[in-house]
Amino acid sequence: MKVLVAIKRVVDFNVNIRVKSDQSGVDISNVKMSINPFDEVAVEQAVRMKEAGIATEIVIVSVGPEKAAETLRTGLAVGADRAILVQTDVVTEPLAVAKVLRAVIDQEKPSLVLLGKQAIDDDCNQTGQMLAGLLGWAQGTSISRMVTEGEKLKVTREVDAGTQELELSLPAIATVDLRLNDPRHPSLPNIMKAKKKPLDTVTPESLGVDVTPRMTVVKVLPPAQRQAGKKVATVAELAAALKFAMEAH
């Protein structure tokens, strides 16, 4: 079974985000970038499947600028076999990424495609679902447990009311949640080996995909600063303050 994993280069989750002075977006200059945490879980799951003898090859794909190659090298160091960078400096939207991935899938012919359920920069949670729709494949989203049985994929997905059990026929799309596993850290020897693993670079144009944005960002604002708290002397005073706050809203 060939497994394809889509990953995204994002600002590291430990970094405090700064909005640009012109409010056109988030300032990513001179900040640490890393694999989207949800995608990191997807890579780990693919590696575990290969270690268990289920997956025969792991191909990781990223759509982004030239520097996204560094992110792909991290995935190769974790255990992926090959990497493909679809290089573009355009800020891609979920539909464009889904179309690019469909083109890559048409060439690679994987049995399973894994993605993080969402990216921590835009929080769209749309690419996996759009990709499944474009391909007409079965899909499981927000997956916290996954078991492969022959040509079937049994998954547990998290929903508002609890969990839902699904059985998917391969080929399939699966978007994973953080609770699926705990990603490993690549060892130094594997980081060195990753430098010799194949990393192919293509463009959206060579795949026949137009990634021109369909939306325009009007303004990006930081969240409002939290107001200072207020100490109260008694429970009655607290109750009165809470009542006033509820009535005010």
Protein backbone atom coordinates (compact mmCIF):
# COMPACT_ATOMS: atom_id res chain seq x y z
CA MET A 1 0.00 0.00 0.00
CA LYS A 2 1.32 3.42 -0.97
CA VAL A 3 0.43 6.18 1.49
CA LEU A 4 0.54 9.85 0.50
CA VAL A 5 0.71 12.46 3.25
CA ALA A 6 0.06 16.17 2.67
CA ILE A 7 1.88 18.55 5.01
CA LYS A 8 1.93 22.33 5.39
CA ARG A 9 4.66 24.72 6.50
CA VAL A 10 3.27 27.01 9.20
CA VAL A 11 4.51 29.34 11.93
CA ASP A 12 5.61 27.17 14.86
CA PHE A 13 2.86 26.84 17.45
CA ASN A 14 5.19 28.15 20.19
CA VAL A 15 5.69 31.48 18.40
CA ASN A 16 3.66 34.52 19.44
CA ILE A 17 1.95 35.73 16.28
CA ARG A 18 2.43 39.36 15.21
CA VAL A 19 0.14 41.18 12.80
CA LYS A 20 1.78 43.32 10.13
CA SER A 21 1.64 47.07 10.68
CA ASP A 22 -0.47 47.52 7.54
CA GLN A 23 -2.93 44.84 8.78
CA SER A 24 -2.49 42.86 5.55
CA GLY A 25 -1.65 39.60 7.31
CA VAL A 26 0.59 37.85 9.82
CA ASP A 27 4.29 38.72 9.96
CA ILE A 28 6.28 35.56 9.21
CA SER A 29 9.67 37.21 8.68
CA ASN A 30 12.39 35.87 10.96
CA VAL A 31 10.08 33.52 12.84
CA LYS A 32 10.43 29.77 13.34
CA MET A 33 8.46 27.66 10.86
CA SER A 34 7.59 23.99 11.26
CA ILE A 35 5.25 21.21 10.13
CA ASN A 36 1.61 21.88 10.96
CA PRO A 37 1.04 19.84 14.18
CA PHE A 38 -1.94 17.94 12.74
CA ASP A 39 0.09 17.02 9.65
CA GLU A 40 2.91 15.86 11.93
CA VAL A 41 0.46 13.34 13.39
CA ALA A 42 -0.43 12.20 9.86
CA VAL A 43 3.24 11.58 9.01
CA GLU A 44 3.72 9.62 12.23
CA GLN A 45 0.69 7.46 11.44
CA ALA A 46 2.04 6.65 7.98
CA VAL A 47 5.43 5.71 9.44
CA ARG A 48 3.78 3.44 12.00
CA MET A 49 1.83 1.76 9.20
CA LYS A 50 5.07 1.11 7.34
CA GLU A 51 6.74 -0.25 10.48
CA ALA A 52 3.77 -2.60 10.89
CA GLY A 53 4.20 -3.87 7.32
CA ILE A 54 0.93 -2.28 6.11
CA ALA A 55 2.39 0.56 4.04
CA THR A 56 5.09 -0.14 1.46
CA GLU A 57 5.95 3.46 0.54
CA ILE A 58 5.32 6.88 2.08
CA VAL A 59 5.26 9.95 -0.15
CA ILE A 60 4.91 13.38 1.47
CA VAL A 61 3.69 16.44 -0.43
CA SER A 62 3.69 20.13 0.37
CA VAL A 63 2.37 23.13 -1.55
CA GLY A 64 4.28 26.30 -0.79
CA PRO A 65 7.42 28.38 -1.27
CA GLU A 66 10.94 27.07 -1.82
CA LYS A 67 11.61 27.05 1.94
CA ALA A 68 8.89 24.42 2.37
CA ALA A 69 11.57 21.95 1.24
CA GLU A 70 13.02 22.24 4.76
CA THR A 71 9.68 21.11 6.18
CA LEU A 72 9.61 18.17 3.79
CA ARG A 73 13.13 17.17 4.88
CA THR A 74 11.83 16.96 8.44
CA GLY A 75 9.13 14.56 7.27
CA LEU A 76 11.74 12.50 5.44
CA ALA A 77 13.81 12.36 8.62
CA VAL A 78 10.82 10.99 10.52
CA GLY A 79 10.52 8.11 8.06
CA ALA A 80 8.92 9.11 4.75
CA ASP A 81 10.54 7.68 1.61
CA ARG A 82 10.08 10.45 -0.95
CA ALA A 83 8.93 14.06 -1.04
CA ILE A 84 7.30 16.31 -3.60
CA LEU A 85 7.31 20.08 -3.34
CA VAL A 86 4.71 21.88 -5.42
CA GLN A 87 6.49 25.21 -5.38
CA THR A 88 4.54 28.45 -5.48
CA ASP A 89 4.81 31.79 -3.73
CA VAL A 90 1.05 32.31 -3.98
CA VAL A 91 -0.87 32.04 -0.71
CA THR A 92 -2.94 28.99 -1.60
CA GLU A 93 -6.52 28.42 -0.52
CA PRO A 94 -8.01 25.00 0.41
CA LEU A 95 -9.65 24.42 -2.98
CA ALA A 96 -6.43 25.19 -4.84
CA VAL A 97 -4.47 22.82 -2.58
CA ALA A 98 -7.10 20.11 -3.07
CA LYS A 99 -6.80 20.46 -6.87
CA VAL A 100 -3.01 20.28 -6.66
CA LEU A 101 -3.18 17.17 -4.49
CA ARG A 102 -5.65 15.56 -6.91
CA ALA A 103 -3.14 16.09 -9.72
CA VAL A 104 -0.34 14.55 -7.64
CA ILE A 105 -2.59 11.63 -6.65
CA ASP A 106 -3.42 10.98 -10.31
CA GLN A 107 0.31 10.51 -10.89
CA GLU A 108 1.25 8.65 -7.70
CA LYS A 109 -1.83 6.37 -7.38
CA PRO A 110 -1.78 5.97 -3.55
CA SER A 111 -4.26 3.75 -1.72
CA LEU A 112 -4.54 6.10 1.25
CA VAL A 113 -4.12 9.86 1.62
CA LEU A 114 -3.54 11.30 5.09
CA LEU A 115 -3.84 14.97 6.05
CA GLY A 116 -4.08 16.90 9.27
CA LYS A 117 -7.71 17.82 9.95
CA GLN A 118 -6.80 21.52 9.79
CA ALA A 119 -3.85 23.91 9.61
CA ILE A 120 -3.13 26.08 12.63
CA ASP A 121 -2.61 29.20 10.50
CA ASP A 122 -5.98 29.45 8.72
CA ASP A 123 -8.01 26.82 10.66
CA CYS A 124 -10.04 26.11 7.51
CA ASN A 125 -10.53 22.35 7.97
CA GLN A 126 -11.59 22.05 4.31
CA THR A 127 -8.81 20.60 2.15
CA GLY A 128 -9.38 16.92 2.98
CA GLN A 129 -13.12 17.12 2.40
CA MET A 130 -12.69 19.01 -0.89
CA LEU A 131 -10.08 16.48 -2.05
CA ALA A 132 -12.41 13.56 -1.31
CA GLY A 133 -15.16 15.32 -3.26
CA LEU A 134 -12.90 15.94 -6.27
CA LEU A 135 -11.73 12.31 -6.31
CA GLY A 136 -15.04 10.70 -5.37
CA TRP A 137 -13.24 8.73 -2.63
CA ALA A 138 -14.46 7.65 0.78
CA GLN A 139 -13.43 9.98 3.59
CA GLY A 140 -13.05 10.00 7.34
CA THR A 141 -12.42 13.27 9.15
CA SER A 142 -11.17 14.24 12.64
CA ILE A 143 -9.86 10.73 13.18
CA SER A 144 -8.58 9.72 16.62
CA ARG A 145 -8.17 5.98 15.92
CA MET A 146 -7.34 4.04 12.77
CA VAL A 147 -7.08 0.32 11.98
CA THR A 148 -6.41 -1.19 8.54
CA GLU A 149 -8.01 -4.53 7.69
CA GLY A 150 -7.27 -5.64 4.13
CA GLU A 151 -8.97 -3.22 1.75
CA LYS A 152 -10.92 -1.62 4.58
CA LEU A 153 -9.98 1.22 6.90
CA LYS A 154 -11.79 1.28 10.25
CA VAL A 155 -11.67 4.68 11.91
CA THR A 156 -13.02 6.45 14.97
CA ARG A 157 -13.82 10.09 14.37
CA GLU A 158 -14.60 12.72 16.97
CA VAL A 159 -17.96 14.45 16.62
CA ASP A 160 -19.87 16.92 18.79
CA ALA A 161 -21.86 14.18 20.53
CA GLY A 162 -18.85 11.91 21.17
CA THR A 163 -17.31 9.51 18.65
CA GLN A 164 -18.41 7.83 15.44
CA GLU A 165 -17.18 4.51 14.02
CA LEU A 166 -16.73 4.30 10.23
CA GLU A 167 -15.51 1.64 7.82
CA LEU A 168 -13.98 3.08 4.65
CA SER A 169 -13.23 1.22 1.44
CA LEU A 170 -9.80 2.01 -0.01
CA PRO A 171 -8.74 4.20 -1.70
CA ALA A 172 -9.72 6.76 0.90
CA ILE A 173 -8.97 10.16 2.39
CA ALA A 174 -8.38 10.49 6.13
CA THR A 175 -7.86 13.70 8.09
CA VAL A 176 -6.37 13.12 11.52
CA ASP A 177 -6.76 14.69 14.94
CA LEU A 178 -4.03 15.23 17.53
CA ARG A 179 -5.23 12.34 19.70
CA LEU A 180 -4.40 9.73 17.05
CA ASN A 181 -0.76 9.41 18.19
CA ASP A 182 2.27 11.16 19.65
CA PRO A 183 4.71 12.12 16.86
CA ARG A 184 8.36 11.16 17.31
CA HIS A 185 11.32 13.51 17.04
CA PRO A 186 13.71 12.68 14.19
CA SER A 187 17.12 11.44 15.32
CA LEU A 188 20.34 13.08 14.13
CA PRO A 189 21.36 10.08 11.96
CA ASN A 190 17.92 10.12 10.29
CA ILE A 191 18.19 13.87 9.71
CA MET A 192 21.47 13.26 7.88
CA LYS A 193 19.97 10.37 5.87
CA ALA A 194 17.00 12.56 4.90
CA LYS A 195 19.33 14.85 2.93
CA LYS A 196 19.92 12.00 0.47
CA LYS A 197 16.28 10.99 0.03
CA PRO A 198 14.51 12.03 -3.20
CA LEU A 199 12.77 15.42 -3.15
CA ASP A 200 11.19 16.42 -6.45
CA THR A 201 10.07 19.98 -7.18
CA VAL A 202 7.21 20.76 -9.55
CA THR A 203 4.93 23.75 -10.07
CA PRO A 204 1.13 24.05 -10.08
CA GLU A 205 1.36 25.08 -13.74
CA SER A 206 3.16 21.85 -14.66
CA LEU A 207 0.30 19.96 -12.99
CA GLY A 208 -2.28 21.98 -14.89
CA VAL A 209 -3.68 23.68 -11.79
CA ASP A 210 -4.53 27.36 -11.37
CA VAL A 211 -3.85 28.43 -7.77
CA THR A 212 -4.87 32.07 -8.18
CA PRO A 213 -6.63 33.15 -4.95
CA ARG A 214 -10.41 33.51 -5.11
CA MET A 215 -10.62 35.61 -1.97
CA THR A 216 -9.03 38.89 -0.91
CA VAL A 217 -7.94 39.53 2.67
CA VAL A 218 -9.43 42.87 3.66
CA LYS A 219 -7.88 43.24 7.10
CA VAL A 220 -6.18 41.17 9.78
CA LEU A 221 -6.49 42.34 13.39
CA PRO A 222 -4.95 40.94 16.57
CA PRO A 223 -7.39 39.75 19.26
CA ALA A 224 -8.57 42.37 21.73
CA GLN A 225 -6.42 42.61 24.83
CA ARG A 226 -7.92 40.98 27.88
CA GLN A 227 -9.26 43.44 30.44
CA ALA A 228 -7.84 43.46 33.95
CA GLY A 229 -9.70 41.41 36.53
CA LYS A 230 -11.47 42.78 39.58
CA LYS A 231 -11.33 41.44 43.13
CA VAL A 232 -14.54 41.11 45.13
CA ALA A 233 -14.88 40.82 48.89
CA THR A 234 -17.94 38.59 49.19
CA VAL A 235 -19.95 35.99 47.28
CA ALA A 236 -22.87 38.39 47.15
CA GLU A 237 -20.72 41.01 45.45
CA LEU A 238 -19.52 38.38 42.96
CA ALA A 239 -23.10 37.34 42.18
CA ALA A 240 -24.09 40.97 41.63
CA ALA A 241 -21.13 41.53 39.29
CA LEU A 242 -21.96 38.40 37.25
CA LYS A 243 -25.62 39.44 37.01
CA PHE A 244 -24.61 42.89 35.77
CA ALA A 245 -22.27 41.36 33.18
CA MET A 246 -24.97 39.01 31.87
CA GLU A 247 -27.51 41.80 31.62
CA ALA A 248 -25.01 43.99 29.79
CA HIS A 249 -24.63 41.33 27.07
